[in-house]
Full PDB file with SEQRES, HELIX, SHEET, SSBOND, CRYST1, ORIGX, SCALE, CONECT and MASTER records, all heavy atoms in Angstrom:
SEQRES   1 A   47  VAL VAL VAL VAL GLY ASP ASP ILE VAL SER ALA ALA ALA          
SEQRES   2 A   47  GLY LEU ILE ASP LEU LEU LEU ALA ALA GLY GLY GLU LEU          
SEQRES   3 A   47  VAL THR VAL LEU THR GLY ASP GLY ILE GLY PRO GLU VAL          
SEQRES   4 A   47  GLY ALA ALA LEU THR ASP HIS VAL                              
HELIX    1 AA1 ILE A    8  LEU A   20  1                                  13    
HELIX    2 AA2 PRO A   37  HIS A   46  1                                  10    
CRYST1    1.000    1.000    1.000  90.00  90.00  90.00 P 1           1          
ORIGX1      1.000000  0.000000  0.000000        0.00000                         
ORIGX2      0.000000  1.000000  0.000000        0.00000                         
ORIGX3      0.000000  0.000000  1.000000        0.00000                         
SCALE1      1.000000  0.000000  0.000000        0.00000                         
SCALE2      0.000000  1.000000  0.000000        0.00000                         
SCALE3      0.000000  0.000000  1.000000        0.00000                         
ATOM      1  N   VAL A   1     -14.979   2.896  -0.268  1.00  0.00           N  
ATOM      2  CA  VAL A   1     -13.982   1.803  -0.119  1.00  0.00           C  
ATOM      3  C   VAL A   1     -13.942   1.077  -1.457  1.00  0.00           C  
ATOM      4  O   VAL A   1     -14.867   0.744  -2.103  1.00  0.00           O  
ATOM      5  CB  VAL A   1     -14.614   0.712   0.903  1.00  0.00           C  
ATOM      6  CG1 VAL A   1     -13.762  -0.528   0.907  1.00  0.00           C  
ATOM      7  CG2 VAL A   1     -14.646   1.368   2.268  1.00  0.00           C  
ATOM      8  N   VAL A   2     -12.693   1.064  -2.027  1.00  0.00           N  
ATOM      9  CA  VAL A   2     -12.538   0.517  -3.388  1.00  0.00           C  
ATOM     10  C   VAL A   2     -11.701  -0.812  -3.347  1.00  0.00           C  
ATOM     11  O   VAL A   2     -11.638  -1.539  -4.355  1.00  0.00           O  
ATOM     12  CB  VAL A   2     -11.678   1.583  -4.233  1.00  0.00           C  
ATOM     13  CG1 VAL A   2     -12.519   2.832  -4.488  1.00  0.00           C  
ATOM     14  CG2 VAL A   2     -10.332   1.893  -3.593  1.00  0.00           C  
ATOM     15  N   VAL A   3     -11.202  -1.172  -2.154  1.00  0.00           N  
ATOM     16  CA  VAL A   3     -10.450  -2.422  -2.078  1.00  0.00           C  
ATOM     17  C   VAL A   3     -10.748  -3.089  -0.687  1.00  0.00           C  
ATOM     18  O   VAL A   3     -10.689  -2.332   0.384  1.00  0.00           O  
ATOM     19  CB  VAL A   3      -8.870  -2.307  -2.166  1.00  0.00           C  
ATOM     20  CG1 VAL A   3      -8.195  -3.657  -1.990  1.00  0.00           C  
ATOM     21  CG2 VAL A   3      -8.559  -1.681  -3.548  1.00  0.00           C  
ATOM     22  N   VAL A   4     -11.081  -4.326  -0.584  1.00  0.00           N  
ATOM     23  CA  VAL A   4     -11.168  -5.025   0.626  1.00  0.00           C  
ATOM     24  C   VAL A   4     -10.161  -6.142   0.677  1.00  0.00           C  
ATOM     25  O   VAL A   4     -10.107  -6.977  -0.230  1.00  0.00           O  
ATOM     26  CB  VAL A   4     -12.603  -5.601   0.842  1.00  0.00           C  
ATOM     27  CG1 VAL A   4     -12.622  -6.435   2.124  1.00  0.00           C  
ATOM     28  CG2 VAL A   4     -13.715  -4.545   0.828  1.00  0.00           C  
ATOM     29  N   GLY A   5      -9.242  -6.116   1.638  1.00  0.00           N  
ATOM     30  CA  GLY A   5      -8.175  -7.142   1.739  1.00  0.00           C  
ATOM     31  C   GLY A   5      -8.250  -7.862   3.010  1.00  0.00           C  
ATOM     32  O   GLY A   5      -8.946  -7.507   3.985  1.00  0.00           O  
ATOM     33  N   ASP A   6      -7.521  -9.006   3.084  1.00  0.00           N  
ATOM     34  CA  ASP A   6      -7.509  -9.779   4.396  1.00  0.00           C  
ATOM     35  C   ASP A   6      -6.817  -9.044   5.507  1.00  0.00           C  
ATOM     36  O   ASP A   6      -7.088  -9.316   6.640  1.00  0.00           O  
ATOM     37  CB  ASP A   6      -6.790 -11.072   4.074  1.00  0.00           C  
ATOM     38  CG  ASP A   6      -7.603 -12.014   3.126  1.00  0.00           C  
ATOM     39  OD1 ASP A   6      -8.856 -11.860   3.191  1.00  0.00           O  
ATOM     40  OD2 ASP A   6      -6.952 -12.914   2.547  1.00  0.00           O  
ATOM     41  N   ASP A   7      -5.948  -8.041   5.110  1.00  0.00           N  
ATOM     42  CA  ASP A   7      -5.232  -7.268   6.131  1.00  0.00           C  
ATOM     43  C   ASP A   7      -4.882  -5.964   5.478  1.00  0.00           C  
ATOM     44  O   ASP A   7      -5.135  -5.606   4.303  1.00  0.00           O  
ATOM     45  CB  ASP A   7      -3.992  -7.997   6.623  1.00  0.00           C  
ATOM     46  CG  ASP A   7      -3.126  -8.534   5.611  1.00  0.00           C  
ATOM     47  OD1 ASP A   7      -3.062  -7.892   4.488  1.00  0.00           O  
ATOM     48  OD2 ASP A   7      -2.400  -9.486   5.749  1.00  0.00           O  
ATOM     49  N   ILE A   8      -4.228  -5.126   6.212  1.00  0.00           N  
ATOM     50  CA  ILE A   8      -3.914  -3.701   5.759  1.00  0.00           C  
ATOM     51  C   ILE A   8      -2.851  -3.868   4.539  1.00  0.00           C  
ATOM     52  O   ILE A   8      -2.879  -2.965   3.641  1.00  0.00           O  
ATOM     53  CB  ILE A   8      -3.419  -2.875   6.798  1.00  0.00           C  
ATOM     54  CG1 ILE A   8      -2.208  -3.286   7.533  1.00  0.00           C  
ATOM     55  CG2 ILE A   8      -4.568  -2.610   7.780  1.00  0.00           C  
ATOM     56  CD1 ILE A   8      -1.558  -2.313   8.427  1.00  0.00           C  
ATOM     57  N   VAL A   9      -1.947  -4.857   4.640  1.00  0.00           N  
ATOM     58  CA  VAL A   9      -0.967  -4.942   3.605  1.00  0.00           C  
ATOM     59  C   VAL A   9      -1.551  -5.304   2.199  1.00  0.00           C  
ATOM     60  O   VAL A   9      -1.286  -4.675   1.116  1.00  0.00           O  
ATOM     61  CB  VAL A   9       0.145  -5.955   3.900  1.00  0.00           C  
ATOM     62  CG1 VAL A   9       1.119  -6.214   2.674  1.00  0.00           C  
ATOM     63  CG2 VAL A   9       0.944  -5.534   5.047  1.00  0.00           C  
ATOM     64  N   SER A  10      -2.513  -6.241   2.196  1.00  0.00           N  
ATOM     65  CA  SER A  10      -3.071  -6.653   0.969  1.00  0.00           C  
ATOM     66  C   SER A  10      -4.080  -5.497   0.429  1.00  0.00           C  
ATOM     67  O   SER A  10      -4.122  -5.298  -0.759  1.00  0.00           O  
ATOM     68  CB  SER A  10      -3.880  -7.930   1.144  1.00  0.00           C  
ATOM     69  OG  SER A  10      -4.899  -7.765   2.152  1.00  0.00           O  
ATOM     70  N   ALA A  11      -4.720  -4.855   1.410  1.00  0.00           N  
ATOM     71  CA  ALA A  11      -5.621  -3.740   0.925  1.00  0.00           C  
ATOM     72  C   ALA A  11      -4.698  -2.575   0.387  1.00  0.00           C  
ATOM     73  O   ALA A  11      -5.133  -1.986  -0.610  1.00  0.00           O  
ATOM     74  CB  ALA A  11      -6.449  -3.274   2.153  1.00  0.00           C  
ATOM     75  N   ALA A  12      -3.647  -2.236   1.074  1.00  0.00           N  
ATOM     76  CA  ALA A  12      -2.701  -1.213   0.561  1.00  0.00           C  
ATOM     77  C   ALA A  12      -2.175  -1.556  -0.788  1.00  0.00           C  
ATOM     78  O   ALA A  12      -2.014  -0.703  -1.627  1.00  0.00           O  
ATOM     79  CB  ALA A  12      -1.641  -0.946   1.625  1.00  0.00           C  
ATOM     80  N   ALA A  13      -1.764  -2.799  -0.994  1.00  0.00           N  
ATOM     81  CA  ALA A  13      -1.211  -3.292  -2.335  1.00  0.00           C  
ATOM     82  C   ALA A  13      -2.235  -3.019  -3.392  1.00  0.00           C  
ATOM     83  O   ALA A  13      -1.861  -2.473  -4.474  1.00  0.00           O  
ATOM     84  CB  ALA A  13      -0.754  -4.701  -2.202  1.00  0.00           C  
ATOM     85  N   GLY A  14      -3.492  -3.427  -3.110  1.00  0.00           N  
ATOM     86  CA  GLY A  14      -4.528  -3.278  -4.125  1.00  0.00           C  
ATOM     87  C   GLY A  14      -4.770  -1.767  -4.368  1.00  0.00           C  
ATOM     88  O   GLY A  14      -5.063  -1.397  -5.544  1.00  0.00           O  
ATOM     89  N   LEU A  15      -4.688  -0.916  -3.297  1.00  0.00           N  
ATOM     90  CA  LEU A  15      -5.055   0.460  -3.598  1.00  0.00           C  
ATOM     91  C   LEU A  15      -3.812   1.154  -4.344  1.00  0.00           C  
ATOM     92  O   LEU A  15      -4.121   1.942  -5.269  1.00  0.00           O  
ATOM     93  CB  LEU A  15      -5.145   1.182  -2.127  1.00  0.00           C  
ATOM     94  CG  LEU A  15      -5.373   2.695  -2.201  1.00  0.00           C  
ATOM     95  CD1 LEU A  15      -6.629   3.001  -2.925  1.00  0.00           C  
ATOM     96  CD2 LEU A  15      -5.475   3.193  -0.744  1.00  0.00           C  
ATOM     97  N   ILE A  16      -2.678   0.678  -4.050  1.00  0.00           N  
ATOM     98  CA  ILE A  16      -1.490   1.232  -4.884  1.00  0.00           C  
ATOM     99  C   ILE A  16      -1.663   0.877  -6.255  1.00  0.00           C  
ATOM    100  O   ILE A  16      -1.389   1.716  -7.264  1.00  0.00           O  
ATOM    101  CB  ILE A  16      -0.154   0.765  -4.347  1.00  0.00           C  
ATOM    102  CG1 ILE A  16       0.152   1.373  -2.944  1.00  0.00           C  
ATOM    103  CG2 ILE A  16       0.994   1.014  -5.215  1.00  0.00           C  
ATOM    104  CD1 ILE A  16       1.291   0.766  -2.144  1.00  0.00           C  
ATOM    105  N   ASP A  17      -2.052  -0.352  -6.668  1.00  0.00           N  
ATOM    106  CA  ASP A  17      -2.223  -0.784  -7.978  1.00  0.00           C  
ATOM    107  C   ASP A  17      -3.271   0.136  -8.630  1.00  0.00           C  
ATOM    108  O   ASP A  17      -3.067   0.451  -9.849  1.00  0.00           O  
ATOM    109  CB  ASP A  17      -2.702  -2.327  -7.989  1.00  0.00           C  
ATOM    110  CG  ASP A  17      -1.549  -3.222  -7.516  1.00  0.00           C  
ATOM    111  OD1 ASP A  17      -0.420  -2.814  -7.469  1.00  0.00           O  
ATOM    112  OD2 ASP A  17      -1.880  -4.331  -7.155  1.00  0.00           O  
ATOM    113  N   LEU A  18      -4.315   0.385  -7.969  1.00  0.00           N  
ATOM    114  CA  LEU A  18      -5.379   1.181  -8.648  1.00  0.00           C  
ATOM    115  C   LEU A  18      -4.866   2.634  -8.856  1.00  0.00           C  
ATOM    116  O   LEU A  18      -5.061   3.214  -9.884  1.00  0.00           O  
ATOM    117  CB  LEU A  18      -6.583   1.237  -7.696  1.00  0.00           C  
ATOM    118  CG  LEU A  18      -7.510   0.081  -7.614  1.00  0.00           C  
ATOM    119  CD1 LEU A  18      -8.590   0.220  -6.672  1.00  0.00           C  
ATOM    120  CD2 LEU A  18      -8.091  -0.249  -8.970  1.00  0.00           C  
ATOM    121  N   LEU A  19      -4.208   3.216  -7.894  1.00  0.00           N  
ATOM    122  CA  LEU A  19      -3.686   4.575  -8.053  1.00  0.00           C  
ATOM    123  C   LEU A  19      -2.625   4.670  -9.106  1.00  0.00           C  
ATOM    124  O   LEU A  19      -2.551   5.718  -9.839  1.00  0.00           O  
ATOM    125  CB  LEU A  19      -3.037   5.012  -6.715  1.00  0.00           C  
ATOM    126  CG  LEU A  19      -4.074   5.233  -5.486  1.00  0.00           C  
ATOM    127  CD1 LEU A  19      -3.313   5.547  -4.271  1.00  0.00           C  
ATOM    128  CD2 LEU A  19      -4.983   6.421  -5.876  1.00  0.00           C  
ATOM    129  N   LEU A  20      -1.822   3.568  -9.343  1.00  0.00           N  
ATOM    130  CA  LEU A  20      -0.763   3.594 -10.350  1.00  0.00           C  
ATOM    131  C   LEU A  20      -1.344   3.274 -11.746  1.00  0.00           C  
ATOM    132  O   LEU A  20      -0.586   3.410 -12.691  1.00  0.00           O  
ATOM    133  CB  LEU A  20       0.347   2.622  -9.998  1.00  0.00           C  
ATOM    134  CG  LEU A  20       1.370   3.105  -9.022  1.00  0.00           C  
ATOM    135  CD1 LEU A  20       2.181   1.831  -8.568  1.00  0.00           C  
ATOM    136  CD2 LEU A  20       2.206   4.297  -9.438  1.00  0.00           C  
ATOM    137  N   ALA A  21      -2.650   2.869 -11.774  1.00  0.00           N  
ATOM    138  CA  ALA A  21      -3.194   2.605 -13.157  1.00  0.00           C  
ATOM    139  C   ALA A  21      -3.186   3.694 -14.043  1.00  0.00           C  
ATOM    140  O   ALA A  21      -3.120   3.561 -15.263  1.00  0.00           O  
ATOM    141  CB  ALA A  21      -4.655   1.936 -12.866  1.00  0.00           C  
ATOM    142  N   ALA A  22      -3.235   4.998 -13.490  1.00  0.00           N  
ATOM    143  CA  ALA A  22      -3.260   6.105 -14.317  1.00  0.00           C  
ATOM    144  C   ALA A  22      -1.800   6.641 -14.470  1.00  0.00           C  
ATOM    145  O   ALA A  22      -1.628   7.707 -14.985  1.00  0.00           O  
ATOM    146  CB  ALA A  22      -4.178   7.208 -13.707  1.00  0.00           C  
ATOM    147  N   GLY A  23      -0.791   5.919 -14.014  1.00  0.00           N  
ATOM    148  CA  GLY A  23       0.546   6.364 -14.133  1.00  0.00           C  
ATOM    149  C   GLY A  23       1.073   6.845 -12.875  1.00  0.00           C  
ATOM    150  O   GLY A  23       0.348   7.184 -11.922  1.00  0.00           O  
ATOM    151  N   GLY A  24       2.429   7.052 -12.845  1.00  0.00           N  
ATOM    152  CA  GLY A  24       3.042   7.581 -11.668  1.00  0.00           C  
ATOM    153  C   GLY A  24       4.460   7.051 -11.504  1.00  0.00           C  
ATOM    154  O   GLY A  24       4.794   5.912 -11.930  1.00  0.00           O  
ATOM    155  N   GLU A  25       5.322   7.855 -10.891  1.00  0.00           N  
ATOM    156  CA  GLU A  25       6.702   7.539 -10.718  1.00  0.00           C  
ATOM    157  C   GLU A  25       7.121   7.393  -9.222  1.00  0.00           C  
ATOM    158  O   GLU A  25       8.165   6.912  -8.960  1.00  0.00           O  
ATOM    159  CB  GLU A  25       7.637   8.630 -11.300  1.00  0.00           C  
ATOM    160  CG  GLU A  25       7.316   8.785 -12.861  1.00  0.00           C  
ATOM    161  CD  GLU A  25       8.098   9.988 -13.492  1.00  0.00           C  
ATOM    162  OE1 GLU A  25       8.655  10.756 -12.594  1.00  0.00           O  
ATOM    163  OE2 GLU A  25       8.181  10.068 -14.679  1.00  0.00           O  
ATOM    164  N   LEU A  26       6.283   7.862  -8.404  1.00  0.00           N  
ATOM    165  CA  LEU A  26       6.716   7.874  -6.930  1.00  0.00           C  
ATOM    166  C   LEU A  26       5.432   7.470  -6.062  1.00  0.00           C  
ATOM    167  O   LEU A  26       4.398   8.095  -6.231  1.00  0.00           O  
ATOM    168  CB  LEU A  26       7.229   9.243  -6.513  1.00  0.00           C  
ATOM    169  CG  LEU A  26       7.497   9.501  -4.958  1.00  0.00           C  
ATOM    170  CD1 LEU A  26       8.590   8.541  -4.606  1.00  0.00           C  
ATOM    171  CD2 LEU A  26       7.744  10.894  -4.680  1.00  0.00           C  
ATOM    172  N   VAL A  27       5.663   6.506  -5.240  1.00  0.00           N  
ATOM    173  CA  VAL A  27       4.643   6.234  -4.201  1.00  0.00           C  
ATOM    174  C   VAL A  27       5.093   6.645  -2.849  1.00  0.00           C  
ATOM    175  O   VAL A  27       6.181   6.229  -2.446  1.00  0.00           O  
ATOM    176  CB  VAL A  27       4.309   4.649  -4.263  1.00  0.00           C  
ATOM    177  CG1 VAL A  27       3.306   4.234  -3.198  1.00  0.00           C  
ATOM    178  CG2 VAL A  27       3.864   4.205  -5.595  1.00  0.00           C  
ATOM    179  N   THR A  28       4.264   7.305  -2.069  1.00  0.00           N  
ATOM    180  CA  THR A  28       4.595   7.691  -0.790  1.00  0.00           C  
ATOM    181  C   THR A  28       3.594   7.143   0.190  1.00  0.00           C  
ATOM    182  O   THR A  28       2.406   7.164  -0.039  1.00  0.00           O  
ATOM    183  CB  THR A  28       4.494   9.167  -0.604  1.00  0.00           C  
ATOM    184  OG1 THR A  28       5.390   9.847  -1.505  1.00  0.00           O  
ATOM    185  CG2 THR A  28       4.880   9.612   0.846  1.00  0.00           C  
ATOM    186  N   VAL A  29       4.150   6.400   1.247  1.00  0.00           N  
ATOM    187  CA  VAL A  29       3.273   5.720   2.205  1.00  0.00           C  
ATOM    188  C   VAL A  29       3.579   6.308   3.606  1.00  0.00           C  
ATOM    189  O   VAL A  29       4.828   6.259   3.987  1.00  0.00           O  
ATOM    190  CB  VAL A  29       3.571   4.184   2.191  1.00  0.00           C  
ATOM    191  CG1 VAL A  29       2.675   3.568   3.366  1.00  0.00           C  
ATOM    192  CG2 VAL A  29       3.140   3.615   0.844  1.00  0.00           C  
ATOM    193  N   LEU A  30       2.670   6.745   4.251  1.00  0.00           N  
ATOM    194  CA  LEU A  30       2.812   7.300   5.608  1.00  0.00           C  
ATOM    195  C   LEU A  30       2.031   6.335   6.534  1.00  0.00           C  
ATOM    196  O   LEU A  30       0.848   5.977   6.419  1.00  0.00           O  
ATOM    197  CB  LEU A  30       2.080   8.661   5.822  1.00  0.00           C  
ATOM    198  CG  LEU A  30       2.603   9.779   4.792  1.00  0.00           C  
ATOM    199  CD1 LEU A  30       1.874  11.136   5.217  1.00  0.00           C  
ATOM    200  CD2 LEU A  30       4.069   9.966   4.786  1.00  0.00           C  
ATOM    201  N   THR A  31       2.866   5.749   7.531  1.00  0.00           N  
ATOM    202  CA  THR A  31       2.262   4.784   8.370  1.00  0.00           C  
ATOM    203  C   THR A  31       1.826   5.347   9.694  1.00  0.00           C  
ATOM    204  O   THR A  31       2.402   6.333  10.319  1.00  0.00           O  
ATOM    205  CB  THR A  31       3.340   3.710   8.671  1.00  0.00           C  
ATOM    206  OG1 THR A  31       4.504   4.298   9.266  1.00  0.00           O  
ATOM    207  CG2 THR A  31       3.808   2.954   7.457  1.00  0.00           C  
ATOM    208  N   GLY A  32       0.622   4.993  10.196  1.00  0.00           N  
ATOM    209  CA  GLY A  32       0.034   5.495  11.308  1.00  0.00           C  
ATOM    210  C   GLY A  32       0.423   4.991  12.704  1.00  0.00           C  
ATOM    211  O   GLY A  32       1.277   4.048  12.748  1.00  0.00           O  
ATOM    212  N   ASP A  33      -0.224   5.403  13.628  1.00  0.00           N  
ATOM    213  CA  ASP A  33       0.043   4.975  15.082  1.00  0.00           C  
ATOM    214  C   ASP A  33      -0.081   3.455  15.140  1.00  0.00           C  
ATOM    215  O   ASP A  33      -1.139   2.954  14.702  1.00  0.00           O  
ATOM    216  CB  ASP A  33      -0.927   5.721  15.964  1.00  0.00           C  
ATOM    217  CG  ASP A  33      -0.601   5.371  17.465  1.00  0.00           C  
ATOM    218  OD1 ASP A  33       0.559   5.212  17.761  1.00  0.00           O  
ATOM    219  OD2 ASP A  33      -1.567   5.423  18.358  1.00  0.00           O  
ATOM    220  N   GLY A  34       0.805   2.768  15.723  1.00  0.00           N  
ATOM    221  CA  GLY A  34       0.849   1.288  15.929  1.00  0.00           C  
ATOM    222  C   GLY A  34       1.219   0.446  14.703  1.00  0.00           C  
ATOM    223  O   GLY A  34       1.193  -0.744  14.803  1.00  0.00           O  
ATOM    224  N   ILE A  35       1.451   1.074  13.679  1.00  0.00           N  
ATOM    225  CA  ILE A  35       1.930   0.349  12.422  1.00  0.00           C  
ATOM    226  C   ILE A  35       3.443   0.182  12.406  1.00  0.00           C  
ATOM    227  O   ILE A  35       4.184   1.111  12.388  1.00  0.00           O  
ATOM    228  CB  ILE A  35       1.474   1.001  11.066  1.00  0.00           C  
ATOM    229  CG1 ILE A  35      -0.151   1.327  11.243  1.00  0.00           C  
ATOM    230  CG2 ILE A  35       1.848   0.254   9.951  1.00  0.00           C  
ATOM    231  CD1 ILE A  35      -0.955   0.019  11.346  1.00  0.00           C  
ATOM    232  N   GLY A  36       3.937  -1.048  12.368  1.00  0.00           N  
ATOM    233  CA  GLY A  36       5.324  -1.376  12.322  1.00  0.00           C  
ATOM    234  C   GLY A  36       6.033  -1.234  10.995  1.00  0.00           C  
ATOM    235  O   GLY A  36       5.366  -1.108  10.033  1.00  0.00           O  
ATOM    236  N   PRO A  37       7.349  -1.257  11.065  1.00  0.00           N  
ATOM    237  CA  PRO A  37       8.079  -1.054   9.836  1.00  0.00           C  
ATOM    238  C   PRO A  37       7.980  -2.266   8.856  1.00  0.00           C  
ATOM    239  O   PRO A  37       8.215  -2.069   7.600  1.00  0.00           O  
ATOM    240  CB  PRO A  37       9.481  -0.925  10.272  1.00  0.00           C  
ATOM    241  CG  PRO A  37       9.580  -1.688  11.638  1.00  0.00           C  
ATOM    242  CD  PRO A  37       8.211  -1.395  12.228  1.00  0.00           C  
ATOM    243  N   GLU A  38       7.535  -3.369   9.339  1.00  0.00           N  
ATOM    244  CA  GLU A  38       7.333  -4.536   8.413  1.00  0.00           C  
ATOM    245  C   GLU A  38       6.289  -4.253   7.330  1.00  0.00           C  
ATOM    246  O   GLU A  38       6.268  -4.762   6.224  1.00  0.00           O  
ATOM    247  CB  GLU A  38       6.891  -5.818   9.183  1.00  0.00           C  
ATOM    248  CG  GLU A  38       5.577  -5.775   9.837  1.00  0.00           C  
ATOM    249  CD  GLU A  38       5.622  -5.055  11.149  1.00  0.00           C  
ATOM    250  OE1 GLU A  38       6.598  -4.552  11.561  1.00  0.00           O  
ATOM    251  OE2 GLU A  38       4.450  -4.940  11.839  1.00  0.00           O  
ATOM    252  N   VAL A  39       5.235  -3.444   7.657  1.00  0.00           N  
ATOM    253  CA  VAL A  39       4.196  -3.027   6.709  1.00  0.00           C  
ATOM    254  C   VAL A  39       4.842  -2.244   5.392  1.00  0.00           C  
ATOM    255  O   VAL A  39       4.587  -2.602   4.349  1.00  0.00           O  
ATOM    256  CB  VAL A  39       3.070  -2.225   7.330  1.00  0.00           C  
ATOM    257  CG1 VAL A  39       2.079  -1.671   6.248  1.00  0.00           C  
ATOM    258  CG2 VAL A  39       2.362  -3.041   8.361  1.00  0.00           C  
ATOM    259  N   GLY A  40       5.636  -1.248   5.829  1.00  0.00           N  
ATOM    260  CA  GLY A  40       6.292  -0.470   4.708  1.00  0.00           C  
ATOM    261  C   GLY A  40       7.178  -1.301   3.929  1.00  0.00           C  
ATOM    262  O   GLY A  40       7.289  -1.223   2.689  1.00  0.00           O  
ATOM    263  N   ALA A  41       7.927  -2.284   4.577  1.00  0.00           N  
ATOM    264  CA  ALA A  41       8.840  -3.232   3.883  1.00  0.00           C  
ATOM    265  C   ALA A  41       8.043  -4.071   2.805  1.00  0.00           C  
ATOM    266  O   ALA A  41       8.468  -4.320   1.699  1.00  0.00           O  
ATOM    267  CB  ALA A  41       9.596  -4.043   4.832  1.00  0.00           C  
ATOM    268  N   ALA A  42       6.926  -4.590   3.321  1.00  0.00           N  
ATOM    269  CA  ALA A  42       6.113  -5.434   2.378  1.00  0.00           C  
ATOM    270  C   ALA A  42       5.664  -4.677   1.274  1.00  0.00           C  
ATOM    271  O   ALA A  42       5.590  -5.264   0.062  1.00  0.00           O  
ATOM    272  CB  ALA A  42       4.988  -6.077   3.296  1.00  0.00           C  
ATOM    273  N   LEU A  43       5.098  -3.448   1.410  1.00  0.00           N  
ATOM    274  CA  LEU A  43       4.626  -2.668   0.248  1.00  0.00           C  
ATOM    275  C   LEU A  43       5.749  -2.313  -0.660  1.00  0.00           C  
ATOM    276  O   LEU A  43       5.501  -2.159  -1.770  1.00  0.00           O  
ATOM    277  CB  LEU A  43       3.933  -1.387   0.875  1.00  0.00           C  
ATOM    278  CG  LEU A  43       2.717  -1.770   1.669  1.00  0.00           C  
ATOM    279  CD1 LEU A  43       2.012  -0.463   2.219  1.00  0.00           C  
ATOM    280  CD2 LEU A  43       1.641  -2.445   0.750  1.00  0.00           C  
ATOM    281  N   THR A  44       6.936  -2.036  -0.045  1.00  0.00           N  
ATOM    282  CA  THR A  44       8.111  -1.719  -0.954  1.00  0.00           C  
ATOM    283  C   THR A  44       8.425  -2.864  -1.851  1.00  0.00           C  
ATOM    284  O   THR A  44       8.620  -2.753  -3.123  1.00  0.00           O  
ATOM    285  CB  THR A  44       9.300  -1.381  -0.052  1.00  0.00           C  
ATOM    286  OG1 THR A  44       9.011  -0.224   0.682  1.00  0.00           O  
ATOM    287  CG2 THR A  44      10.516  -1.100  -0.981  1.00  0.00           C  
ATOM    288  N   ASP A  45       8.412  -4.130  -1.335  1.00  0.00           N  
ATOM    289  CA  ASP A  45       8.596  -5.318  -2.186  1.00  0.00           C  
ATOM    290  C   ASP A  45       7.527  -5.443  -3.268  1.00  0.00           C  
ATOM    291  O   ASP A  45       7.833  -5.793  -4.420  1.00  0.00           O  
ATOM    292  CB  ASP A  45       8.590  -6.604  -1.279  1.00  0.00           C  
ATOM    293  CG  ASP A  45       9.773  -6.711  -0.375  1.00  0.00           C  
ATOM    294  OD1 ASP A  45      10.762  -5.961  -0.681  1.00  0.00           O  
ATOM    295  OD2 ASP A  45       9.767  -7.409   0.676  1.00  0.00           O  
ATOM    296  N   HIS A  46       6.215  -5.146  -2.885  1.00  0.00           N  
ATOM    297  CA  HIS A  46       5.196  -5.242  -3.841  1.00  0.00           C  
ATOM    298  C   HIS A  46       5.374  -4.200  -4.993  1.00  0.00           C  
ATOM    299  O   HIS A  46       5.231  -4.643  -6.158  1.00  0.00           O  
ATOM    300  CB  HIS A  46       3.837  -5.016  -3.143  1.00  0.00           C  
ATOM    301  CG  HIS A  46       2.692  -4.854  -4.079  1.00  0.00           C  
ATOM    302  ND1 HIS A  46       2.222  -5.948  -4.700  1.00  0.00           N  
ATOM    303  CD2 HIS A  46       2.019  -3.689  -4.597  1.00  0.00           C  
ATOM    304  CE1 HIS A  46       1.082  -5.489  -5.572  1.00  0.00           C  
ATOM    305  NE2 HIS A  46       1.069  -4.203  -5.414  1.00  0.00           N  
ATOM    306  N   VAL A  47       5.712  -2.993  -4.583  1.00  0.00           N  
ATOM    307  CA  VAL A  47       5.960  -1.954  -5.681  1.00  0.00           C  
ATOM    308  C   VAL A  47       7.100  -2.362  -6.590  1.00  0.00           C  
ATOM    309  O   VAL A  47       6.968  -2.212  -7.852  1.00  0.00           O  
ATOM    310  CB  VAL A  47       6.176  -0.601  -5.104  1.00  0.00           C  
ATOM    311  CG1 VAL A  47       6.580   0.399  -6.106  1.00  0.00           C  
ATOM    312  CG2 VAL A  47       4.751  -0.051  -4.344  1.00  0.00           C  
TER     313      VAL A  47                                                      
MASTER        0    0    0    2    0    0    0    6  312    1    0    4          
END                                                                             
């Protein structure tokens, strides 16, 4: 565990920041069972 967040969006945003620290041009997010489209939309805004 490298990031602890208040919810999955904040934890995912922190994880994306860490993964992009070494560079990158494309972020792919796969959402699991029970996860709504609002999570993907929030992470898109963050990126």
